[in-house]
Amino acid sequence: MDSASSTSPAEASPLHQRLPWATTTVPANEPEPDAGRPPRNTTINPTKSPSAISLRAFFIGLAFGISITLTFLALQRPSNPLWRAPFFIATLTIFHFLEFYVTALYNPPAATTSAFLLTTNGYSYNVAHTLALIECVFGNYVASRYFPEQKYLHLSDALLPVGGGTSAAWLTLGFILLVLGQAIRTLAMVHATTNFNHLIQSRKKEGHVLVTDGIYRWLRHPSYFGFFWWGLGTQVIMGNQACLIGYAVVLWKFFKFRIKSESTLFV
């Protein structure tokens, strides 16, 4: 049998016509463009471009590798409190990676570059994390070294001090909140599948249903619940007093407003 005759229609069609992130206005019966030249009138959706997605994934992985290495290096000195800063960055990279990865697995149509949530959370999101890092470095290193008498700059160190003023009890609580919050948010995304979206929807999409079983049976907004406690957990681990209070207030107001907006639209 001739090899060309065994080629399936999908294999015989131009590559750009088979890519889910590409759209084209070239008629199906038009001859193939010259070899080496891009198809005419073809546009690539930049939010689903493999190059854009892979580039973000690469830098997230790079940031994780560097930050987790710095964390372990800092922990070589038990009294060094600076391990908290790179550890916080590592938790952020895990969070943002999981946001896209879980979306790609269970809600492929929404797996765009915005699913990483690197820029879609707005200016205040980045400012909050920057302030958290500043307070962590200042409170755990500068203050403890140059202003040891200013105890209000630290969380309680009454029980088993561990590395710069935060007790083992506080660290344990922080890790529990961190892991539990991330797990609940991820589980919410997995269970909702295509019914989950990072953006508030003003119109009901075909096939969309209100999820009321599984984890949604116990929590009406598990993804918000998970992120709220994840955020507070990071601040407890970092030993941040000001940002712990700030995160609690800002996140509470943000999710209250978002839930109210969703209830109004209720699509």
C-alpha atoms as a PDB file:
ATOM      1  CA  MET A   1       0.000   0.000   0.000  1.00  0.00           C
ATOM      2  CA  ASP A   2       1.213   3.477  -0.820  1.00  0.00           C
ATOM      3  CA  SER A   3       2.341   5.296   2.362  1.00  0.00           C
ATOM      4  CA  ALA A   4       0.474   8.449   1.380  1.00  0.00           C
ATOM      5  CA  SER A   5      -2.812   6.587   1.163  1.00  0.00           C
ATOM      6  CA  SER A   6      -2.569   5.522   4.796  1.00  0.00           C
ATOM      7  CA  THR A   7      -2.251   9.074   6.077  1.00  0.00           C
ATOM      8  CA  SER A   8      -5.232  10.139   8.167  1.00  0.00           C
ATOM      9  CA  PRO A   9      -7.058  13.422   7.400  1.00  0.00           C
ATOM     10  CA  ALA A  10      -5.775  14.931  10.674  1.00  0.00           C
ATOM     11  CA  GLU A  11      -2.212  14.109   9.695  1.00  0.00           C
ATOM     12  CA  ALA A  12      -2.663  15.421   6.175  1.00  0.00           C
ATOM     13  CA  SER A  13      -4.060  18.788   7.285  1.00  0.00           C
ATOM     14  CA  PRO A  14      -1.663  21.692   7.808  1.00  0.00           C
ATOM     15  CA  LEU A  15      -0.143  21.882  11.260  1.00  0.00           C
ATOM     16  CA  HIS A  16      -1.586  25.321  12.014  1.00  0.00           C
ATOM     17  CA  GLN A  17      -5.107  23.963  11.331  1.00  0.00           C
ATOM     18  CA  ARG A  18      -4.678  21.286  14.021  1.00  0.00           C
ATOM     19  CA  LEU A  19      -3.332  23.506  16.800  1.00  0.00           C
ATOM     20  CA  PRO A  20      -6.065  24.390  19.341  1.00  0.00           C
ATOM     21  CA  TRP A  21      -4.502  27.785  20.069  1.00  0.00           C
ATOM     22  CA  ALA A  22      -4.343  28.849  16.420  1.00  0.00           C
ATOM     23  CA  THR A  23      -7.085  30.360  14.296  1.00  0.00           C
ATOM     24  CA  THR A  24      -6.876  30.844  10.534  1.00  0.00           C
ATOM     25  CA  THR A  25      -8.970  32.280   7.768  1.00  0.00           C
ATOM     26  CA  VAL A  26      -7.234  30.312   5.001  1.00  0.00           C
ATOM     27  CA  PRO A  27      -9.848  28.266   3.062  1.00  0.00           C
ATOM     28  CA  ALA A  28      -9.500  24.511   3.458  1.00  0.00           C
ATOM     29  CA  ASN A  29      -9.101  23.977  -0.306  1.00  0.00           C
ATOM     30  CA  GLU A  30      -6.368  26.594  -0.721  1.00  0.00           C
ATOM     31  CA  PRO A  31      -2.938  25.156  -1.592  1.00  0.00           C
ATOM     32  CA  GLU A  32      -0.305  24.898   1.107  1.00  0.00           C
ATOM     33  CA  PRO A  33       1.936  27.956   1.484  1.00  0.00           C
ATOM     34  CA  ASP A  34       5.482  27.656   0.302  1.00  0.00           C
ATOM     35  CA  ALA A  35       7.740  25.631   2.573  1.00  0.00           C
ATOM     36  CA  GLY A  36       9.314  27.713   5.286  1.00  0.00           C
ATOM     37  CA  ARG A  37       6.752  30.514   5.038  1.00  0.00           C
ATOM     38  CA  PRO A  38       4.075  31.047   7.725  1.00  0.00           C
ATOM     39  CA  PRO A  39       0.419  30.603   6.680  1.00  0.00           C
ATOM     40  CA  ARG A  40      -1.320  33.771   5.556  1.00  0.00           C
ATOM     41  CA  ASN A  41      -3.862  35.502   7.805  1.00  0.00           C
ATOM     42  CA  THR A  42      -3.009  33.202  10.702  1.00  0.00           C
ATOM     43  CA  THR A  43      -3.094  34.565  14.240  1.00  0.00           C
ATOM     44  CA  ILE A  44      -1.886  32.780  17.335  1.00  0.00           C
ATOM     45  CA  ASN A  45      -3.777  33.339  20.565  1.00  0.00           C
ATOM     46  CA  PRO A  46      -0.917  34.707  22.724  1.00  0.00           C
ATOM     47  CA  THR A  47      -2.502  33.503  25.953  1.00  0.00           C
ATOM     48  CA  LYS A  48      -2.369  29.887  24.722  1.00  0.00           C
ATOM     49  CA  SER A  49       0.929  30.069  22.907  1.00  0.00           C
ATOM     50  CA  PRO A  50       3.161  27.136  23.954  1.00  0.00           C
ATOM     51  CA  SER A  51       6.180  29.421  23.943  1.00  0.00           C
ATOM     52  CA  ALA A  52       4.532  31.901  26.326  1.00  0.00           C
ATOM     53  CA  ILE A  53       3.363  29.139  28.652  1.00  0.00           C
ATOM     54  CA  SER A  54       6.686  27.281  28.637  1.00  0.00           C
ATOM     55  CA  LEU A  55       8.595  30.502  29.277  1.00  0.00           C
ATOM     56  CA  ARG A  56       6.554  31.241  32.382  1.00  0.00           C
ATOM     57  CA  ALA A  57       6.873  27.666  33.587  1.00  0.00           C
ATOM     58  CA  PHE A  58      10.650  27.812  33.081  1.00  0.00           C
ATOM     59  CA  PHE A  59      11.101  30.939  35.166  1.00  0.00           C
ATOM     60  CA  ILE A  60       8.790  29.635  37.888  1.00  0.00           C
ATOM     61  CA  GLY A  61      10.874  26.464  38.060  1.00  0.00           C
ATOM     62  CA  LEU A  62      14.078  28.488  38.072  1.00  0.00           C
ATOM     63  CA  ALA A  63      12.814  30.680  40.904  1.00  0.00           C
ATOM     64  CA  PHE A  64      11.792  27.591  42.870  1.00  0.00           C
ATOM     65  CA  GLY A  65      15.198  25.956  42.444  1.00  0.00           C
ATOM     66  CA  ILE A  66      17.095  29.071  43.521  1.00  0.00           C
ATOM     67  CA  SER A  67      14.830  29.886  46.449  1.00  0.00           C
ATOM     68  CA  ILE A  68      14.694  26.346  47.856  1.00  0.00           C
ATOM     69  CA  THR A  69      18.502  26.118  47.578  1.00  0.00           C
ATOM     70  CA  LEU A  70      18.911  29.390  49.474  1.00  0.00           C
ATOM     71  CA  THR A  71      16.455  28.128  52.087  1.00  0.00           C
ATOM     72  CA  PHE A  72      18.516  25.003  52.781  1.00  0.00           C
ATOM     73  CA  LEU A  73      21.765  26.978  52.792  1.00  0.00           C
ATOM     74  CA  ALA A  74      20.351  29.435  55.324  1.00  0.00           C
ATOM     75  CA  LEU A  75      19.134  26.567  57.510  1.00  0.00           C
ATOM     76  CA  GLN A  76      22.707  25.338  57.882  1.00  0.00           C
ATOM     77  CA  ARG A  77      22.953  27.971  60.601  1.00  0.00           C
ATOM     78  CA  PRO A  78      20.186  27.221  63.131  1.00  0.00           C
ATOM     79  CA  SER A  79      20.132  30.802  64.394  1.00  0.00           C
ATOM     80  CA  ASN A  80      19.793  32.311  60.918  1.00  0.00           C
ATOM     81  CA  PRO A  81      16.250  33.645  60.445  1.00  0.00           C
ATOM     82  CA  LEU A  82      16.718  34.557  56.795  1.00  0.00           C
ATOM     83  CA  TRP A  83      15.611  31.127  55.543  1.00  0.00           C
ATOM     84  CA  ARG A  84      12.044  32.432  55.753  1.00  0.00           C
ATOM     85  CA  ALA A  85      12.440  34.899  52.867  1.00  0.00           C
ATOM     86  CA  PRO A  86      13.507  32.379  50.165  1.00  0.00           C
ATOM     87  CA  PHE A  87      11.083  29.838  51.630  1.00  0.00           C
ATOM     88  CA  PHE A  88       8.248  32.297  51.065  1.00  0.00           C
ATOM     89  CA  ILE A  89       9.323  32.719  47.436  1.00  0.00           C
ATOM     90  CA  ALA A  90       9.397  28.926  47.066  1.00  0.00           C
ATOM     91  CA  THR A  91       5.816  28.650  48.363  1.00  0.00           C
ATOM     92  CA  LEU A  92       4.748  31.317  45.877  1.00  0.00           C
ATOM     93  CA  THR A  93       6.294  29.418  42.967  1.00  0.00           C
ATOM     94  CA  ILE A  94       4.525  26.215  44.030  1.00  0.00           C
ATOM     95  CA  PHE A  95       1.219  28.051  44.319  1.00  0.00           C
ATOM     96  CA  HIS A  96       1.448  29.693  40.902  1.00  0.00           C
ATOM     97  CA  PHE A  97       2.631  26.491  39.225  1.00  0.00           C
ATOM     98  CA  LEU A  98      -0.265  24.511  40.695  1.00  0.00           C
ATOM     99  CA  GLU A  99      -2.761  27.132  39.570  1.00  0.00           C
ATOM    100  CA  PHE A 100      -1.829  26.520  35.947  1.00  0.00           C
ATOM    101  CA  TYR A 101      -1.077  22.800  36.227  1.00  0.00           C
ATOM    102  CA  VAL A 102      -4.399  21.898  37.828  1.00  0.00           C
ATOM    103  CA  THR A 103      -6.235  24.132  35.361  1.00  0.00           C
ATOM    104  CA  ALA A 104      -4.480  22.427  32.434  1.00  0.00           C
ATOM    105  CA  LEU A 105      -5.394  18.986  33.781  1.00  0.00           C
ATOM    106  CA  TYR A 106      -9.024  19.534  34.714  1.00  0.00           C
ATOM    107  CA  ASN A 107     -10.082  22.596  32.729  1.00  0.00           C
ATOM    108  CA  PRO A 108      -7.968  22.664  29.532  1.00  0.00           C
ATOM    109  CA  PRO A 109      -9.925  25.429  27.744  1.00  0.00           C
ATOM    110  CA  ALA A 110      -8.971  27.821  30.566  1.00  0.00           C
ATOM    111  CA  ALA A 111      -5.279  26.828  30.540  1.00  0.00           C
ATOM    112  CA  THR A 112      -3.952  30.165  29.332  1.00  0.00           C
ATOM    113  CA  THR A 113      -1.012  32.231  30.544  1.00  0.00           C
ATOM    114  CA  SER A 114      -3.365  34.070  32.896  1.00  0.00           C
ATOM    115  CA  ALA A 115      -4.001  30.782  34.732  1.00  0.00           C
ATOM    116  CA  PHE A 116      -0.567  31.172  36.335  1.00  0.00           C
ATOM    117  CA  LEU A 117      -2.018  34.213  38.170  1.00  0.00           C
ATOM    118  CA  LEU A 118       1.313  36.007  37.843  1.00  0.00           C
ATOM    119  CA  THR A 119      -0.195  39.325  36.775  1.00  0.00           C
ATOM    120  CA  THR A 120      -3.963  38.866  36.841  1.00  0.00           C
ATOM    121  CA  ASN A 121      -4.225  39.413  40.603  1.00  0.00           C
ATOM    122  CA  GLY A 122      -3.426  43.069  40.189  1.00  0.00           C
ATOM    123  CA  TYR A 123      -0.891  45.542  41.509  1.00  0.00           C
ATOM    124  CA  SER A 124      -1.894  45.187  45.163  1.00  0.00           C
ATOM    125  CA  TYR A 125      -1.118  41.453  45.099  1.00  0.00           C
ATOM    126  CA  ASN A 126       2.522  42.068  44.195  1.00  0.00           C
ATOM    127  CA  VAL A 127       2.798  44.959  46.650  1.00  0.00           C
ATOM    128  CA  ALA A 128       1.512  42.750  49.484  1.00  0.00           C
ATOM    129  CA  HIS A 129       4.138  40.066  48.838  1.00  0.00           C
ATOM    130  CA  THR A 130       6.891  42.659  48.528  1.00  0.00           C
ATOM    131  CA  LEU A 131       5.930  44.194  51.873  1.00  0.00           C
ATOM    132  CA  ALA A 132       5.867  40.724  53.409  1.00  0.00           C
ATOM    133  CA  LEU A 133       9.448  40.092  52.272  1.00  0.00           C
ATOM    134  CA  ILE A 134      10.574  43.490  53.578  1.00  0.00           C
ATOM    135  CA  GLU A 135       9.009  42.904  56.983  1.00  0.00           C
ATOM    136  CA  CYS A 136      10.463  39.403  57.130  1.00  0.00           C
ATOM    137  CA  VAL A 137      14.006  40.605  56.452  1.00  0.00           C
ATOM    138  CA  PHE A 138      13.706  43.638  58.698  1.00  0.00           C
ATOM    139  CA  GLY A 139      11.883  41.922  61.557  1.00  0.00           C
ATOM    140  CA  ASN A 140      13.894  38.704  61.598  1.00  0.00           C
ATOM    141  CA  TYR A 141      17.352  40.001  60.889  1.00  0.00           C
ATOM    142  CA  VAL A 142      17.821  43.753  61.154  1.00  0.00           C
ATOM    143  CA  ALA A 143      15.624  44.195  64.204  1.00  0.00           C
ATOM    144  CA  SER A 144      16.902  41.118  66.027  1.00  0.00           C
ATOM    145  CA  ARG A 145      20.508  42.165  65.413  1.00  0.00           C
ATOM    146  CA  TYR A 146      20.409  45.908  65.960  1.00  0.00           C
ATOM    147  CA  PHE A 147      17.238  46.383  68.037  1.00  0.00           C
ATOM    148  CA  PRO A 148      16.946  43.242  70.186  1.00  0.00           C
ATOM    149  CA  GLU A 149      14.993  45.116  72.860  1.00  0.00           C
ATOM    150  CA  GLN A 150      12.137  45.899  70.434  1.00  0.00           C
ATOM    151  CA  LYS A 151      10.188  42.721  71.053  1.00  0.00           C
ATOM    152  CA  TYR A 152       7.062  44.057  69.357  1.00  0.00           C
ATOM    153  CA  LEU A 153       8.780  43.482  66.024  1.00  0.00           C
ATOM    154  CA  HIS A 154       8.669  39.714  66.540  1.00  0.00           C
ATOM    155  CA  LEU A 155       6.071  37.051  67.005  1.00  0.00           C
ATOM    156  CA  SER A 156       6.080  35.250  70.325  1.00  0.00           C
ATOM    157  CA  ASP A 157       9.296  33.412  71.147  1.00  0.00           C
ATOM    158  CA  ALA A 158       8.020  32.030  74.430  1.00  0.00           C
ATOM    159  CA  LEU A 159       8.151  28.364  73.372  1.00  0.00           C
ATOM    160  CA  LEU A 160      11.219  26.645  71.935  1.00  0.00           C
ATOM    161  CA  PRO A 161      12.730  29.531  69.942  1.00  0.00           C
ATOM    162  CA  VAL A 162      13.674  28.432  66.444  1.00  0.00           C
ATOM    163  CA  GLY A 163      15.883  30.558  64.235  1.00  0.00           C
ATOM    164  CA  GLY A 164      15.299  34.214  64.976  1.00  0.00           C
ATOM    165  CA  GLY A 165      12.345  34.756  67.238  1.00  0.00           C
ATOM    166  CA  THR A 166       9.520  32.551  65.982  1.00  0.00           C
ATOM    167  CA  SER A 167       8.676  29.625  68.224  1.00  0.00           C
ATOM    168  CA  ALA A 168       8.250  26.034  67.090  1.00  0.00           C
ATOM    169  CA  ALA A 169       4.575  26.306  67.999  1.00  0.00           C
ATOM    170  CA  TRP A 170       4.099  29.260  65.633  1.00  0.00           C
ATOM    171  CA  LEU A 171       6.061  27.533  62.860  1.00  0.00           C
ATOM    172  CA  THR A 172       3.982  24.375  63.235  1.00  0.00           C
ATOM    173  CA  LEU A 173       0.766  26.387  63.071  1.00  0.00           C
ATOM    174  CA  GLY A 174       2.031  28.233  60.012  1.00  0.00           C
ATOM    175  CA  PHE A 175       2.951  25.044  58.156  1.00  0.00           C
ATOM    176  CA  ILE A 176      -0.432  23.496  58.964  1.00  0.00           C
ATOM    177  CA  LEU A 177      -2.281  26.539  57.619  1.00  0.00           C
ATOM    178  CA  LEU A 178      -0.031  26.659  54.553  1.00  0.00           C
ATOM    179  CA  VAL A 179      -0.420  23.003  53.579  1.00  0.00           C
ATOM    180  CA  LEU A 180      -4.109  22.798  54.497  1.00  0.00           C
ATOM    181  CA  GLY A 181      -4.948  25.987  52.618  1.00  0.00           C
ATOM    182  CA  GLN A 182      -3.112  24.880  49.473  1.00  0.00           C
ATOM    183  CA  ALA A 183      -4.680  21.412  49.618  1.00  0.00           C
ATOM    184  CA  ILE A 184      -8.225  22.768  49.974  1.00  0.00           C
ATOM    185  CA  ARG A 185      -7.796  25.241  47.125  1.00  0.00           C
ATOM    186  CA  THR A 186      -6.316  22.617  44.808  1.00  0.00           C
ATOM    187  CA  LEU A 187      -9.028  20.107  45.704  1.00  0.00           C
ATOM    188  CA  ALA A 188     -11.677  22.724  44.961  1.00  0.00           C
ATOM    189  CA  MET A 189     -10.228  23.297  41.485  1.00  0.00           C
ATOM    190  CA  VAL A 190      -9.968  19.562  40.812  1.00  0.00           C
ATOM    191  CA  HIS A 191     -13.528  18.844  41.908  1.00  0.00           C
ATOM    192  CA  ALA A 192     -15.086  21.757  40.009  1.00  0.00           C
ATOM    193  CA  THR A 193     -13.174  20.871  36.800  1.00  0.00           C
ATOM    194  CA  THR A 194     -14.494  23.034  33.933  1.00  0.00           C
ATOM    195  CA  ASN A 195     -16.881  24.840  36.272  1.00  0.00           C
ATOM    196  CA  PHE A 196     -13.965  26.600  37.957  1.00  0.00           C
ATOM    197  CA  ASN A 197     -12.663  29.867  36.583  1.00  0.00           C
ATOM    198  CA  HIS A 198     -10.193  32.402  37.939  1.00  0.00           C
ATOM    199  CA  LEU A 199     -12.284  35.259  36.575  1.00  0.00           C
ATOM    200  CA  ILE A 200     -15.832  36.191  37.563  1.00  0.00           C
ATOM    201  CA  GLN A 201     -18.146  35.160  34.737  1.00  0.00           C
ATOM    202  CA  SER A 202     -20.898  37.533  33.633  1.00  0.00           C
ATOM    203  CA  ARG A 203     -22.478  35.029  31.247  1.00  0.00           C
ATOM    204  CA  LYS A 204     -23.260  31.374  31.718  1.00  0.00           C
ATOM    205  CA  LYS A 205     -21.185  29.153  29.483  1.00  0.00           C
ATOM    206  CA  GLU A 206     -22.594  26.048  27.864  1.00  0.00           C
ATOM    207  CA  GLY A 207     -22.231  23.054  30.156  1.00  0.00           C
ATOM    208  CA  HIS A 208     -21.544  25.135  33.260  1.00  0.00           C
ATOM    209  CA  VAL A 209     -23.237  23.866  36.415  1.00  0.00           C
ATOM    210  CA  LEU A 210     -23.287  24.954  40.037  1.00  0.00           C
ATOM    211  CA  VAL A 211     -21.167  22.460  41.995  1.00  0.00           C
ATOM    212  CA  THR A 212     -22.718  21.512  45.327  1.00  0.00           C
ATOM    213  CA  ASP A 213     -21.187  18.125  46.089  1.00  0.00           C
ATOM    214  CA  GLY A 214     -17.780  16.981  47.305  1.00  0.00           C
ATOM    215  CA  ILE A 215     -15.833  19.669  49.118  1.00  0.00           C
ATOM    216  CA  TYR A 216     -18.429  22.207  47.938  1.00  0.00           C
ATOM    217  CA  ARG A 217     -20.921  20.432  50.127  1.00  0.00           C
ATOM    218  CA  TRP A 218     -19.007  21.592  53.189  1.00  0.00           C
ATOM    219  CA  LEU A 219     -17.572  24.877  51.955  1.00  0.00           C
ATOM    220  CA  ARG A 220     -19.434  27.205  49.599  1.00  0.00           C
ATOM    221  CA  HIS A 221     -16.208  28.852  48.434  1.00  0.00           C
ATOM    222  CA  PRO A 222     -13.396  26.357  49.166  1.00  0.00           C
ATOM    223  CA  SER A 223     -10.893  27.977  46.800  1.00  0.00           C
ATOM    224  CA  TYR A 224     -11.257  31.308  48.625  1.00  0.00           C
ATOM    225  CA  PHE A 225     -11.192  29.572  51.988  1.00  0.00           C
ATOM    226  CA  GLY A 226      -8.004  27.757  51.044  1.00  0.00           C
ATOM    227  CA  PHE A 227      -6.190  30.824  49.734  1.00  0.00           C
ATOM    228  CA  PHE A 228      -7.183  32.872  52.785  1.00  0.00           C
ATOM    229  CA  TRP A 229      -5.593  30.437  55.225  1.00  0.00           C
ATOM    230  CA  TRP A 230      -2.675  29.747  52.874  1.00  0.00           C
ATOM    231  CA  GLY A 231      -1.879  33.458  52.891  1.00  0.00           C
ATOM    232  CA  LEU A 232      -2.075  33.724  56.667  1.00  0.00           C
ATOM    233  CA  GLY A 233       0.049  30.605  57.035  1.00  0.00           C
ATOM    234  CA  THR A 234       2.867  32.155  55.027  1.00  0.00           C
ATOM    235  CA  GLN A 235       2.909  35.195  57.287  1.00  0.00           C
ATOM    236  CA  VAL A 236       2.932  33.118  60.466  1.00  0.00           C
ATOM    237  CA  ILE A 237       5.927  31.152  59.180  1.00  0.00           C
ATOM    238  CA  MET A 238       7.721  34.359  58.230  1.00  0.00           C
ATOM    239  CA  GLY A 239       7.121  35.848  61.665  1.00  0.00           C
ATOM    240  CA  ASN A 240       5.360  38.907  60.217  1.00  0.00           C
ATOM    241  CA  GLN A 241       3.039  40.672  62.611  1.00  0.00           C
ATOM    242  CA  ALA A 242       2.046  43.669  60.511  1.00  0.00           C
ATOM    243  CA  CYS A 243       1.533  41.664  57.317  1.00  0.00           C
ATOM    244  CA  LEU A 244      -0.318  38.919  59.178  1.00  0.00           C
ATOM    245  CA  ILE A 245      -2.919  41.464  60.244  1.00  0.00           C
ATOM    246  CA  GLY A 246      -2.782  43.207  56.858  1.00  0.00           C
ATOM    247  CA  TYR A 247      -3.249  39.958  54.917  1.00  0.00           C
ATOM    248  CA  ALA A 248      -6.198  38.973  57.108  1.00  0.00           C
ATOM    249  CA  VAL A 249      -7.978  42.306  56.639  1.00  0.00           C
ATOM    250  CA  VAL A 250      -7.270  42.713  52.928  1.00  0.00           C
ATOM    251  CA  LEU A 251      -8.074  39.112  51.985  1.00  0.00           C
ATOM    252  CA  TRP A 252     -11.274  39.161  54.030  1.00  0.00           C
ATOM    253  CA  LYS A 253     -12.465  42.343  52.301  1.00  0.00           C
ATOM    254  CA  PHE A 254     -11.379  41.108  48.867  1.00  0.00           C
ATOM    255  CA  PHE A 255     -13.185  37.784  49.091  1.00  0.00           C
ATOM    256  CA  LYS A 256     -16.242  39.389  50.684  1.00  0.00           C
ATOM    257  CA  PHE A 257     -16.499  41.745  47.714  1.00  0.00           C
ATOM    258  CA  ARG A 258     -15.852  38.957  45.211  1.00  0.00           C
ATOM    259  CA  ILE A 259     -18.448  36.643  46.765  1.00  0.00           C
ATOM    260  CA  LYS A 260     -20.989  39.473  46.747  1.00  0.00           C
ATOM    261  CA  SER A 261     -20.239  40.156  43.066  1.00  0.00           C
ATOM    262  CA  GLU A 262     -20.610  36.470  42.186  1.00  0.00           C
ATOM    263  CA  SER A 263     -23.883  36.230  44.090  1.00  0.00           C
ATOM    264  CA  THR A 264     -25.226  39.211  42.169  1.00  0.00           C
ATOM    265  CA  LEU A 265     -24.370  37.696  38.801  1.00  0.00           C
ATOM    266  CA  PHE A 266     -24.941  34.076  39.856  1.00  0.00           C
ATOM    267  CA  VAL A 267     -24.283  32.526  36.482  1.00  0.00           C
END
